[in-house]
Amino acid sequence: MGMATSNPGMAAMSLMLTSYQGDAKTAIGSTTSPLGTGRYNSQFVDELIRGLPASITGVLDITSKSTNPLATPDPFVALTLRSLVNTRQPVGGFLPTTLPIADAQKRDERPHDYEPISM
């Protein structure tokens, strides 16, 4: 699983990423990633947070902190990236797709089944 982030603001920021087990309470890793003004980044989560299990089901919490200690948390843009490897021959290959980001302030009780989409 990967993610893409962007800083649409006018100040540099740091993103704090914390990975939790499926219970969303037990932290299993964290890191801080700088994101400059008008910049973007995309990486697999295990490239950002070292030592994550190879197969994980869990929650990734992302918060921002301005480089200005007096400022409030800055808004940022995030996108979840999912990838699969198509093993069908002769076409096979890397298949990226996106998934929606969940708002931690809202509880959604509906079940979700996401199918990979490739263009």
C-alpha atoms as a PDB file:
ATOM      1  CA  MET A   1       0.000   0.000   0.000  1.00  0.00           C
ATOM      2  CA  GLY A   2       1.247   3.444  -0.768  1.00  0.00           C
ATOM      3  CA  MET A   3       0.257   7.042  -0.408  1.00  0.00           C
ATOM      4  CA  ALA A   4       0.660  10.319  -2.193  1.00  0.00           C
ATOM      5  CA  THR A   5       0.700  13.631  -0.340  1.00  0.00           C
ATOM      6  CA  SER A   6       0.782  17.226  -1.467  1.00  0.00           C
ATOM      7  CA  ASN A   7       1.296  20.558   0.286  1.00  0.00           C
ATOM      8  CA  PRO A   8      -0.948  23.192  -1.333  1.00  0.00           C
ATOM      9  CA  GLY A   9      -0.051  25.730   1.378  1.00  0.00           C
ATOM     10  CA  MET A  10       2.387  28.611   1.494  1.00  0.00           C
ATOM     11  CA  ALA A  11       4.645  27.150   4.223  1.00  0.00           C
ATOM     12  CA  ALA A  12       6.729  24.026   4.555  1.00  0.00           C
ATOM     13  CA  MET A  13       5.356  21.334   6.860  1.00  0.00           C
ATOM     14  CA  SER A  14       6.151  17.998   8.408  1.00  0.00           C
ATOM     15  CA  LEU A  15       3.781  15.056   8.147  1.00  0.00           C
ATOM     16  CA  MET A  16       3.654  12.716  11.117  1.00  0.00           C
ATOM     17  CA  LEU A  17       2.698   9.171  10.084  1.00  0.00           C
ATOM     18  CA  THR A  18       1.727   6.541  12.635  1.00  0.00           C
ATOM     19  CA  SER A  19       0.801   2.990  11.651  1.00  0.00           C
ATOM     20  CA  TYR A  20      -1.613   1.054  13.845  1.00  0.00           C
ATOM     21  CA  GLN A  21      -2.764  -2.547  13.906  1.00  0.00           C
ATOM     22  CA  GLY A  22      -6.342  -3.280  12.779  1.00  0.00           C
ATOM     23  CA  ASP A  23      -7.693  -2.244  16.203  1.00  0.00           C
ATOM     24  CA  ALA A  24      -6.564   1.347  15.395  1.00  0.00           C
ATOM     25  CA  LYS A  25      -5.110   1.593  18.914  1.00  0.00           C
ATOM     26  CA  THR A  26      -1.883  -0.441  18.923  1.00  0.00           C
ATOM     27  CA  ALA A  27       0.894   1.577  17.251  1.00  0.00           C
ATOM     28  CA  ILE A  28       3.415  -0.464  15.270  1.00  0.00           C
ATOM     29  CA  GLY A  29       5.573   2.255  13.734  1.00  0.00           C
ATOM     30  CA  SER A  30       5.877   5.968  13.054  1.00  0.00           C
ATOM     31  CA  THR A  31       7.953   8.516  11.199  1.00  0.00           C
ATOM     32  CA  THR A  32       8.070  12.186  10.232  1.00  0.00           C
ATOM     33  CA  SER A  33       8.305  13.242   6.608  1.00  0.00           C
ATOM     34  CA  PRO A  34       9.059  16.825   5.448  1.00  0.00           C
ATOM     35  CA  LEU A  35       6.890  18.324   2.710  1.00  0.00           C
ATOM     36  CA  GLY A  36       7.931  21.647   1.222  1.00  0.00           C
ATOM     37  CA  THR A  37       5.701  24.427  -0.064  1.00  0.00           C
ATOM     38  CA  GLY A  38       3.889  23.338  -3.226  1.00  0.00           C
ATOM     39  CA  ARG A  39       5.656  19.966  -3.164  1.00  0.00           C
ATOM     40  CA  TYR A  40       4.315  16.431  -3.415  1.00  0.00           C
ATOM     41  CA  ASN A  41       5.546  12.957  -2.540  1.00  0.00           C
ATOM     42  CA  SER A  42       4.470   9.390  -3.275  1.00  0.00           C
ATOM     43  CA  GLN A  43       5.896   6.282  -1.638  1.00  0.00           C
ATOM     44  CA  PHE A  44       4.956   2.879  -0.361  1.00  0.00           C
ATOM     45  CA  VAL A  45       4.184   3.038   3.357  1.00  0.00           C
ATOM     46  CA  ASP A  46       6.874   0.461   4.189  1.00  0.00           C
ATOM     47  CA  GLU A  47       9.423   2.798   2.554  1.00  0.00           C
ATOM     48  CA  LEU A  48       8.378   5.546   4.953  1.00  0.00           C
ATOM     49  CA  ILE A  49       7.919   3.477   8.125  1.00  0.00           C
ATOM     50  CA  ARG A  50      10.678   0.883   8.357  1.00  0.00           C
ATOM     51  CA  GLY A  51      10.047  -2.475  10.007  1.00  0.00           C
ATOM     52  CA  LEU A  52       6.356  -2.903   9.152  1.00  0.00           C
ATOM     53  CA  PRO A  53       5.211  -6.521   8.694  1.00  0.00           C
ATOM     54  CA  ALA A  54       5.166  -7.717   5.067  1.00  0.00           C
ATOM     55  CA  SER A  55       1.419  -8.307   5.198  1.00  0.00           C
ATOM     56  CA  ILE A  56      -0.470  -5.843   7.353  1.00  0.00           C
ATOM     57  CA  THR A  57      -4.068  -4.791   7.852  1.00  0.00           C
ATOM     58  CA  GLY A  58      -4.297  -1.614   9.824  1.00  0.00           C
ATOM     59  CA  VAL A  59      -4.675   2.129   9.985  1.00  0.00           C
ATOM     60  CA  LEU A  60      -2.281   4.890   8.940  1.00  0.00           C
ATOM     61  CA  ASP A  61      -2.819   8.173  10.780  1.00  0.00           C
ATOM     62  CA  ILE A  62      -1.393  11.255   9.050  1.00  0.00           C
ATOM     63  CA  THR A  63      -1.209  14.663  10.741  1.00  0.00           C
ATOM     64  CA  SER A  64       0.610  17.837   9.775  1.00  0.00           C
ATOM     65  CA  LYS A  65       2.766  20.251  11.708  1.00  0.00           C
ATOM     66  CA  SER A  66       3.883  23.590  10.353  1.00  0.00           C
ATOM     67  CA  THR A  67       7.557  24.472  10.476  1.00  0.00           C
ATOM     68  CA  ASN A  68       6.342  27.621  12.268  1.00  0.00           C
ATOM     69  CA  PRO A  69       5.829  26.571  15.926  1.00  0.00           C
ATOM     70  CA  LEU A  70       3.119  29.217  16.421  1.00  0.00           C
ATOM     71  CA  ALA A  71       1.011  28.074  13.471  1.00  0.00           C
ATOM     72  CA  THR A  72      -1.946  25.698  13.554  1.00  0.00           C
ATOM     73  CA  PRO A  73      -1.742  22.358  11.679  1.00  0.00           C
ATOM     74  CA  ASP A  74      -1.573  22.945   7.953  1.00  0.00           C
ATOM     75  CA  PRO A  75      -3.995  21.379   5.484  1.00  0.00           C
ATOM     76  CA  PHE A  76      -2.543  18.801   3.122  1.00  0.00           C
ATOM     77  CA  VAL A  77      -3.839  16.556   0.367  1.00  0.00           C
ATOM     78  CA  ALA A  78      -3.517  12.764   0.645  1.00  0.00           C
ATOM     79  CA  LEU A  79      -4.385   9.849  -1.609  1.00  0.00           C
ATOM     80  CA  THR A  80      -4.158   6.127  -0.879  1.00  0.00           C
ATOM     81  CA  LEU A  81      -2.381   4.074  -3.526  1.00  0.00           C
ATOM     82  CA  ARG A  82      -2.898   0.343  -3.923  1.00  0.00           C
ATOM     83  CA  SER A  83      -0.968  -1.875  -6.275  1.00  0.00           C
ATOM     84  CA  LEU A  84      -1.365  -5.364  -7.618  1.00  0.00           C
ATOM     85  CA  VAL A  85       0.741  -7.430  -9.955  1.00  0.00           C
ATOM     86  CA  ASN A  86      -1.128  -8.852 -12.930  1.00  0.00           C
ATOM     87  CA  THR A  87       0.207 -12.347 -13.499  1.00  0.00           C
ATOM     88  CA  ARG A  88      -1.774 -12.956 -16.696  1.00  0.00           C
ATOM     89  CA  GLN A  89       0.445 -13.463 -19.672  1.00  0.00           C
ATOM     90  CA  PRO A  90       1.488 -11.927 -21.990  1.00  0.00           C
ATOM     91  CA  VAL A  91       0.134  -8.617 -20.639  1.00  0.00           C
ATOM     92  CA  GLY A  92       1.174  -8.939 -16.927  1.00  0.00           C
ATOM     93  CA  GLY A  93       2.544  -6.008 -15.019  1.00  0.00           C
ATOM     94  CA  PHE A  94       2.209  -3.517 -12.209  1.00  0.00           C
ATOM     95  CA  LEU A  95      -1.384  -2.257 -11.692  1.00  0.00           C
ATOM     96  CA  PRO A  96      -1.804   0.862  -9.536  1.00  0.00           C
ATOM     97  CA  THR A  97      -5.175   2.151  -8.345  1.00  0.00           C
ATOM     98  CA  THR A  98      -6.456   4.583  -5.717  1.00  0.00           C
ATOM     99  CA  LEU A  99      -8.653   4.150  -2.656  1.00  0.00           C
ATOM    100  CA  PRO A 100     -10.541   6.833  -0.730  1.00  0.00           C
ATOM    101  CA  ILE A 101      -9.093   8.398   2.407  1.00  0.00           C
ATOM    102  CA  ALA A 102     -11.187   8.031   5.566  1.00  0.00           C
ATOM    103  CA  ASP A 103     -11.910  10.954   7.878  1.00  0.00           C
ATOM    104  CA  ALA A 104     -10.948   9.984  11.438  1.00  0.00           C
ATOM    105  CA  GLN A 105     -13.517  12.449  12.783  1.00  0.00           C
ATOM    106  CA  LYS A 106     -16.401  10.540  11.168  1.00  0.00           C
ATOM    107  CA  ARG A 107     -17.430   6.956  11.904  1.00  0.00           C
ATOM    108  CA  ASP A 108     -18.650   4.976   8.897  1.00  0.00           C
ATOM    109  CA  GLU A 109     -20.389   1.719   9.749  1.00  0.00           C
ATOM    110  CA  ARG A 110     -21.026   0.687   6.157  1.00  0.00           C
ATOM    111  CA  PRO A 111     -19.026  -2.256   4.821  1.00  0.00           C
ATOM    112  CA  HIS A 112     -16.613  -1.455   2.009  1.00  0.00           C
ATOM    113  CA  ASP A 113     -15.441  -3.741  -0.736  1.00  0.00           C
ATOM    114  CA  TYR A 114     -12.951  -2.116  -3.069  1.00  0.00           C
ATOM    115  CA  GLU A 115     -12.110  -3.672  -6.378  1.00  0.00           C
ATOM    116  CA  PRO A 116      -8.898  -2.681  -8.139  1.00  0.00           C
ATOM    117  CA  ILE A 117      -9.388  -0.484 -11.161  1.00  0.00           C
ATOM    118  CA  SER A 118      -6.786  -0.076 -13.858  1.00  0.00           C
ATOM    119  CA  MET A 119      -6.767   2.182 -16.880  1.00  0.00           C
END
